[in-house]
Amino acid sequence: MVKLQKSIDKRNALIKATIELVNNNGFHATPMSKIAKMAKVSPATIYLYFENKQDLVNKTYIEVKAKYTDYAFENYSADMPVEEGFKLIWHRIAEFKLKECENAMFLAQCDNTPMIDEPSRIEGIKHLQPLLDLWTKGKEQNLIKPMSDYLLYAYAINPLSFLMISQKRGSFTLNETHLDDAYESAWNSIKVIK
């Protein structure tokens, strides 16, 4: 049991070091040797858990994406009305991005790099299925614009990354009023105007 826990701790330390180094240095300036050093393991230890750097980054991405979506959908039920469900999910995503800033920044970097392979991206999208299903329901009920899910995500969710990064840089501080305004803007950008 102790040996298993040590193994889990080493793997978690490698994931944490990968997130921190990628956030601070980017993917290409994060060699395996730096990851091992920060995780306080020998470089050879990495290969007990991951095939190579690509595998480490892909698995870190999927793990962080699962945390993100578990948090986002924790209190969501598919039975909720569309607007109520979207509001709950949107606020949970905002909360995650502000409370779990390092993980959120890592995901933002992953969204903008070719480092993540296509199977990992597809796996990451599967984690968003409750939101995609909600949008499908909203389109069927003529509540959400009949647009691509990528466009809906770009208009309604991606602005949160910009706000999170602005806050992290110290150029903007989000308060409740800002979050309410941001939510209204997100909902207005995807809802059908009647």
C-alpha atoms as a PDB file:
ATOM      1  CA  MET A   1       0.000   0.000   0.000  1.00  0.00           C
ATOM      2  CA  VAL A   2       2.832   2.417   0.891  1.00  0.00           C
ATOM      3  CA  LYS A   3       4.638   1.520  -2.350  1.00  0.00           C
ATOM      4  CA  LEU A   4       1.476   2.164  -4.376  1.00  0.00           C
ATOM      5  CA  GLN A   5       0.977   5.553  -2.691  1.00  0.00           C
ATOM      6  CA  LYS A   6       4.594   6.523  -3.451  1.00  0.00           C
ATOM      7  CA  SER A   7       4.003   5.586  -7.079  1.00  0.00           C
ATOM      8  CA  ILE A   8       0.825   7.706  -7.211  1.00  0.00           C
ATOM      9  CA  ASP A   9       2.650  10.596  -5.532  1.00  0.00           C
ATOM     10  CA  LYS A  10       5.484  10.452  -8.101  1.00  0.00           C
ATOM     11  CA  ARG A  11       3.046  10.411 -11.006  1.00  0.00           C
ATOM     12  CA  ASN A  12       1.090  13.330  -9.507  1.00  0.00           C
ATOM     13  CA  ALA A  13       4.331  15.263  -8.964  1.00  0.00           C
ATOM     14  CA  LEU A  14       5.203  14.764 -12.642  1.00  0.00           C
ATOM     15  CA  ILE A  15       1.761  16.008 -13.731  1.00  0.00           C
ATOM     16  CA  LYS A  16       2.010  19.039 -11.427  1.00  0.00           C
ATOM     17  CA  ALA A  17       5.536  19.871 -12.652  1.00  0.00           C
ATOM     18  CA  THR A  18       4.411  19.558 -16.281  1.00  0.00           C
ATOM     19  CA  ILE A  19       1.528  21.988 -15.716  1.00  0.00           C
ATOM     20  CA  GLU A  20       3.701  24.525 -13.917  1.00  0.00           C
ATOM     21  CA  LEU A  21       6.582  24.398 -16.395  1.00  0.00           C
ATOM     22  CA  VAL A  22       4.341  24.520 -19.481  1.00  0.00           C
ATOM     23  CA  ASN A  23       2.444  27.490 -18.010  1.00  0.00           C
ATOM     24  CA  ASN A  24       5.676  29.360 -17.293  1.00  0.00           C
ATOM     25  CA  ASN A  25       7.862  28.302 -20.235  1.00  0.00           C
ATOM     26  CA  GLY A  26       5.614  26.875 -22.952  1.00  0.00           C
ATOM     27  CA  PHE A  27       5.677  23.335 -24.337  1.00  0.00           C
ATOM     28  CA  HIS A  28       8.914  23.528 -26.286  1.00  0.00           C
ATOM     29  CA  ALA A  29      10.933  25.082 -23.449  1.00  0.00           C
ATOM     30  CA  THR A  30       9.899  22.317 -21.045  1.00  0.00           C
ATOM     31  CA  PRO A  31      12.325  19.426 -21.408  1.00  0.00           C
ATOM     32  CA  MET A  32      11.802  16.141 -19.588  1.00  0.00           C
ATOM     33  CA  SER A  33      14.911  16.829 -17.471  1.00  0.00           C
ATOM     34  CA  LYS A  34      13.299  20.004 -16.020  1.00  0.00           C
ATOM     35  CA  ILE A  35      10.057  18.153 -15.345  1.00  0.00           C
ATOM     36  CA  ALA A  36      11.940  15.393 -13.513  1.00  0.00           C
ATOM     37  CA  LYS A  37      13.966  17.912 -11.505  1.00  0.00           C
ATOM     38  CA  MET A  38      10.895  19.872 -10.429  1.00  0.00           C
ATOM     39  CA  ALA A  39       9.042  16.649  -9.552  1.00  0.00           C
ATOM     40  CA  LYS A  40      12.121  15.509  -7.559  1.00  0.00           C
ATOM     41  CA  VAL A  41      12.444  12.228  -9.433  1.00  0.00           C
ATOM     42  CA  SER A  42      15.129  10.832 -11.704  1.00  0.00           C
ATOM     43  CA  PRO A  43      14.560  11.422 -15.427  1.00  0.00           C
ATOM     44  CA  ALA A  44      14.299   7.645 -15.919  1.00  0.00           C
ATOM     45  CA  THR A  45      11.333   7.568 -13.508  1.00  0.00           C
ATOM     46  CA  ILE A  46       9.210   9.519 -16.000  1.00  0.00           C
ATOM     47  CA  TYR A  47       9.362   6.571 -18.387  1.00  0.00           C
ATOM     48  CA  LEU A  48       7.798   4.279 -15.805  1.00  0.00           C
ATOM     49  CA  TYR A  49       4.593   6.316 -16.143  1.00  0.00           C
ATOM     50  CA  PHE A  50       4.756   7.871 -19.619  1.00  0.00           C
ATOM     51  CA  GLU A  51       6.114   6.700 -22.978  1.00  0.00           C
ATOM     52  CA  ASN A  52       7.616  10.088 -23.892  1.00  0.00           C
ATOM     53  CA  LYS A  53       6.997  13.831 -23.597  1.00  0.00           C
ATOM     54  CA  GLN A  54       4.061  13.673 -26.015  1.00  0.00           C
ATOM     55  CA  ASP A  55       2.407  10.974 -23.903  1.00  0.00           C
ATOM     56  CA  LEU A  56       3.057  12.954 -20.703  1.00  0.00           C
ATOM     57  CA  VAL A  57       1.515  16.122 -22.164  1.00  0.00           C
ATOM     58  CA  ASN A  58      -1.482  14.282 -23.664  1.00  0.00           C
ATOM     59  CA  LYS A  59      -2.238  12.411 -20.434  1.00  0.00           C
ATOM     60  CA  THR A  60      -1.823  15.584 -18.390  1.00  0.00           C
ATOM     61  CA  TYR A  61      -4.240  17.345 -20.751  1.00  0.00           C
ATOM     62  CA  ILE A  62      -6.871  14.591 -20.450  1.00  0.00           C
ATOM     63  CA  GLU A  63      -6.499  14.456 -16.659  1.00  0.00           C
ATOM     64  CA  VAL A  64      -6.863  18.238 -16.270  1.00  0.00           C
ATOM     65  CA  LYS A  65      -9.763  18.301 -18.764  1.00  0.00           C
ATOM     66  CA  ALA A  66     -11.539  15.635 -16.665  1.00  0.00           C
ATOM     67  CA  LYS A  67     -11.061  17.727 -13.482  1.00  0.00           C
ATOM     68  CA  TYR A  68     -12.384  20.778 -15.320  1.00  0.00           C
ATOM     69  CA  THR A  69     -15.500  19.083 -16.610  1.00  0.00           C
ATOM     70  CA  ASP A  70     -16.167  17.166 -13.384  1.00  0.00           C
ATOM     71  CA  TYR A  71     -16.194  20.539 -11.637  1.00  0.00           C
ATOM     72  CA  ALA A  72     -18.288  22.227 -14.344  1.00  0.00           C
ATOM     73  CA  PHE A  73     -21.010  19.556 -14.365  1.00  0.00           C
ATOM     74  CA  GLU A  74     -20.993  18.613 -10.681  1.00  0.00           C
ATOM     75  CA  ASN A  75     -24.447  20.055  -9.869  1.00  0.00           C
ATOM     76  CA  TYR A  76     -25.871  19.929 -13.389  1.00  0.00           C
ATOM     77  CA  SER A  77     -28.804  17.738 -14.371  1.00  0.00           C
ATOM     78  CA  ALA A  78     -29.862  17.121 -17.970  1.00  0.00           C
ATOM     79  CA  ASP A  79     -33.467  17.652 -16.776  1.00  0.00           C
ATOM     80  CA  MET A  80     -32.832  21.360 -16.093  1.00  0.00           C
ATOM     81  CA  PRO A  81     -34.326  23.952 -18.435  1.00  0.00           C
ATOM     82  CA  VAL A  82     -31.758  25.048 -21.051  1.00  0.00           C
ATOM     83  CA  GLU A  83     -31.049  28.554 -19.736  1.00  0.00           C
ATOM     84  CA  GLU A  84     -30.866  27.385 -16.100  1.00  0.00           C
ATOM     85  CA  GLY A  85     -28.493  24.552 -17.036  1.00  0.00           C
ATOM     86  CA  PHE A  86     -26.284  26.821 -19.125  1.00  0.00           C
ATOM     87  CA  LYS A  87     -26.129  29.426 -16.364  1.00  0.00           C
ATOM     88  CA  LEU A  88     -25.093  26.806 -13.813  1.00  0.00           C
ATOM     89  CA  ILE A  89     -22.430  25.299 -16.094  1.00  0.00           C
ATOM     90  CA  TRP A  90     -21.110  28.715 -17.153  1.00  0.00           C
ATOM     91  CA  HIS A  91     -20.716  29.880 -13.551  1.00  0.00           C
ATOM     92  CA  ARG A  92     -19.041  26.606 -12.556  1.00  0.00           C
ATOM     93  CA  ILE A  93     -16.586  26.996 -15.462  1.00  0.00           C
ATOM     94  CA  ALA A  94     -15.886  30.588 -14.386  1.00  0.00           C
ATOM     95  CA  GLU A  95     -15.327  29.414 -10.815  1.00  0.00           C
ATOM     96  CA  PHE A  96     -12.930  26.696 -11.964  1.00  0.00           C
ATOM     97  CA  LYS A  97     -10.948  29.109 -14.131  1.00  0.00           C
ATOM     98  CA  LEU A  98     -10.557  31.519 -11.220  1.00  0.00           C
ATOM     99  CA  LYS A  99      -9.948  28.986  -8.428  1.00  0.00           C
ATOM    100  CA  GLU A 100      -7.926  26.467 -10.436  1.00  0.00           C
ATOM    101  CA  CYS A 101      -5.994  29.068 -12.400  1.00  0.00           C
ATOM    102  CA  GLU A 102      -2.922  26.878 -13.075  1.00  0.00           C
ATOM    103  CA  ASN A 103      -5.045  24.045 -14.470  1.00  0.00           C
ATOM    104  CA  ALA A 104      -7.183  26.476 -16.481  1.00  0.00           C
ATOM    105  CA  MET A 105      -4.100  28.169 -17.940  1.00  0.00           C
ATOM    106  CA  PHE A 106      -2.674  24.793 -18.909  1.00  0.00           C
ATOM    107  CA  LEU A 107      -5.921  23.937 -20.749  1.00  0.00           C
ATOM    108  CA  ALA A 108      -5.877  27.319 -22.492  1.00  0.00           C
ATOM    109  CA  GLN A 109      -2.329  26.602 -23.694  1.00  0.00           C
ATOM    110  CA  CYS A 110      -3.386  23.143 -24.856  1.00  0.00           C
ATOM    111  CA  ASP A 111      -6.265  24.623 -26.843  1.00  0.00           C
ATOM    112  CA  ASN A 112      -3.770  26.756 -28.767  1.00  0.00           C
ATOM    113  CA  THR A 113      -0.991  24.305 -29.557  1.00  0.00           C
ATOM    114  CA  PRO A 114      -0.402  21.441 -31.962  1.00  0.00           C
ATOM    115  CA  MET A 115       1.344  19.574 -29.101  1.00  0.00           C
ATOM    116  CA  ILE A 116      -1.890  17.788 -28.150  1.00  0.00           C
ATOM    117  CA  ASP A 117      -2.546  14.912 -30.547  1.00  0.00           C
ATOM    118  CA  GLU A 118      -5.918  14.388 -32.211  1.00  0.00           C
ATOM    119  CA  PRO A 119      -7.002  11.319 -30.169  1.00  0.00           C
ATOM    120  CA  SER A 120      -6.378  13.308 -26.966  1.00  0.00           C
ATOM    121  CA  ARG A 121      -8.345  16.289 -28.307  1.00  0.00           C
ATOM    122  CA  ILE A 122     -11.257  13.980 -29.178  1.00  0.00           C
ATOM    123  CA  GLU A 123     -11.070  12.472 -25.673  1.00  0.00           C
ATOM    124  CA  GLY A 124     -11.077  16.005 -24.231  1.00  0.00           C
ATOM    125  CA  ILE A 125     -14.182  16.948 -26.238  1.00  0.00           C
ATOM    126  CA  LYS A 126     -15.992  13.848 -24.918  1.00  0.00           C
ATOM    127  CA  HIS A 127     -15.619  15.314 -21.426  1.00  0.00           C
ATOM    128  CA  LEU A 128     -17.715  18.302 -22.601  1.00  0.00           C
ATOM    129  CA  GLN A 129     -20.606  16.090 -23.742  1.00  0.00           C
ATOM    130  CA  PRO A 130     -23.173  17.359 -21.173  1.00  0.00           C
ATOM    131  CA  LEU A 131     -22.667  20.932 -22.450  1.00  0.00           C
ATOM    132  CA  LEU A 132     -22.856  19.819 -26.081  1.00  0.00           C
ATOM    133  CA  ASP A 133     -26.052  17.877 -25.302  1.00  0.00           C
ATOM    134  CA  LEU A 134     -27.499  20.948 -23.585  1.00  0.00           C
ATOM    135  CA  TRP A 135     -26.757  23.043 -26.667  1.00  0.00           C
ATOM    136  CA  THR A 136     -28.379  20.427 -28.901  1.00  0.00           C
ATOM    137  CA  LYS A 137     -31.480  20.516 -26.683  1.00  0.00           C
ATOM    138  CA  GLY A 138     -31.429  24.329 -26.823  1.00  0.00           C
ATOM    139  CA  LYS A 139     -31.196  24.307 -30.618  1.00  0.00           C
ATOM    140  CA  GLU A 140     -34.094  21.822 -30.840  1.00  0.00           C
ATOM    141  CA  GLN A 141     -36.191  24.085 -28.593  1.00  0.00           C
ATOM    142  CA  ASN A 142     -35.207  27.142 -30.667  1.00  0.00           C
ATOM    143  CA  LEU A 143     -33.551  28.713 -27.604  1.00  0.00           C
ATOM    144  CA  ILE A 144     -29.941  28.536 -28.819  1.00  0.00           C
ATOM    145  CA  LYS A 145     -28.724  29.710 -32.208  1.00  0.00           C
ATOM    146  CA  PRO A 146     -28.280  26.892 -34.733  1.00  0.00           C
ATOM    147  CA  MET A 147     -24.495  27.360 -34.898  1.00  0.00           C
ATOM    148  CA  SER A 148     -21.543  25.028 -34.697  1.00  0.00           C
ATOM    149  CA  ASP A 149     -20.665  23.934 -31.144  1.00  0.00           C
ATOM    150  CA  TYR A 150     -17.195  25.351 -31.791  1.00  0.00           C
ATOM    151  CA  LEU A 151     -18.694  28.800 -32.418  1.00  0.00           C
ATOM    152  CA  LEU A 152     -20.945  28.519 -29.370  1.00  0.00           C
ATOM    153  CA  TYR A 153     -17.909  27.622 -27.244  1.00  0.00           C
ATOM    154  CA  ALA A 154     -15.859  30.433 -28.774  1.00  0.00           C
ATOM    155  CA  TYR A 155     -18.514  33.054 -28.014  1.00  0.00           C
ATOM    156  CA  ALA A 156     -19.817  31.786 -24.677  1.00  0.00           C
ATOM    157  CA  ILE A 157     -16.920  30.042 -22.901  1.00  0.00           C
ATOM    158  CA  ASN A 158     -13.588  31.200 -24.375  1.00  0.00           C
ATOM    159  CA  PRO A 159     -13.953  34.811 -23.159  1.00  0.00           C
ATOM    160  CA  LEU A 160     -13.557  33.412 -19.621  1.00  0.00           C
ATOM    161  CA  SER A 161      -9.968  32.436 -20.470  1.00  0.00           C
ATOM    162  CA  PHE A 162      -9.223  36.006 -21.528  1.00  0.00           C
ATOM    163  CA  LEU A 163     -10.691  37.353 -18.284  1.00  0.00           C
ATOM    164  CA  MET A 164      -8.786  34.784 -16.197  1.00  0.00           C
ATOM    165  CA  ILE A 165      -5.468  35.654 -17.850  1.00  0.00           C
ATOM    166  CA  SER A 166      -6.168  39.387 -17.471  1.00  0.00           C
ATOM    167  CA  GLN A 167      -6.839  38.877 -13.770  1.00  0.00           C
ATOM    168  CA  LYS A 168      -3.722  36.739 -13.335  1.00  0.00           C
ATOM    169  CA  ARG A 169      -1.617  39.503 -14.945  1.00  0.00           C
ATOM    170  CA  GLY A 170      -3.155  42.014 -12.549  1.00  0.00           C
ATOM    171  CA  SER A 171      -4.641  44.186 -15.291  1.00  0.00           C
ATOM    172  CA  PHE A 172      -8.267  43.439 -14.343  1.00  0.00           C
ATOM    173  CA  THR A 173     -10.004  42.209 -11.204  1.00  0.00           C
ATOM    174  CA  LEU A 174     -13.212  40.280 -11.662  1.00  0.00           C
ATOM    175  CA  ASN A 175     -15.945  41.018  -9.163  1.00  0.00           C
ATOM    176  CA  GLU A 176     -19.523  39.693  -8.954  1.00  0.00           C
ATOM    177  CA  THR A 177     -20.868  42.479 -11.185  1.00  0.00           C
ATOM    178  CA  HIS A 178     -18.262  41.687 -13.849  1.00  0.00           C
ATOM    179  CA  LEU A 179     -19.131  37.996 -13.690  1.00  0.00           C
ATOM    180  CA  ASP A 180     -22.847  38.755 -13.988  1.00  0.00           C
ATOM    181  CA  ASP A 181     -22.156  41.030 -16.979  1.00  0.00           C
ATOM    182  CA  ALA A 182     -19.891  38.394 -18.550  1.00  0.00           C
ATOM    183  CA  TYR A 183     -22.578  35.733 -18.115  1.00  0.00           C
ATOM    184  CA  GLU A 184     -25.246  37.967 -19.682  1.00  0.00           C
ATOM    185  CA  SER A 185     -22.927  38.643 -22.622  1.00  0.00           C
ATOM    186  CA  ALA A 186     -22.241  34.911 -23.020  1.00  0.00           C
ATOM    187  CA  TRP A 187     -25.927  33.968 -22.923  1.00  0.00           C
ATOM    188  CA  ASN A 188     -26.918  36.826 -25.247  1.00  0.00           C
ATOM    189  CA  SER A 189     -24.275  35.736 -27.754  1.00  0.00           C
ATOM    190  CA  ILE A 190     -25.782  32.246 -28.164  1.00  0.00           C
ATOM    191  CA  LYS A 191     -29.503  32.597 -27.420  1.00  0.00           C
ATOM    192  CA  VAL A 192     -32.101  32.981 -30.142  1.00  0.00           C
ATOM    193  CA  ILE A 193     -33.498  36.511 -30.108  1.00  0.00           C
ATOM    194  CA  LYS A 194     -37.265  36.399 -30.246  1.00  0.00           C
END
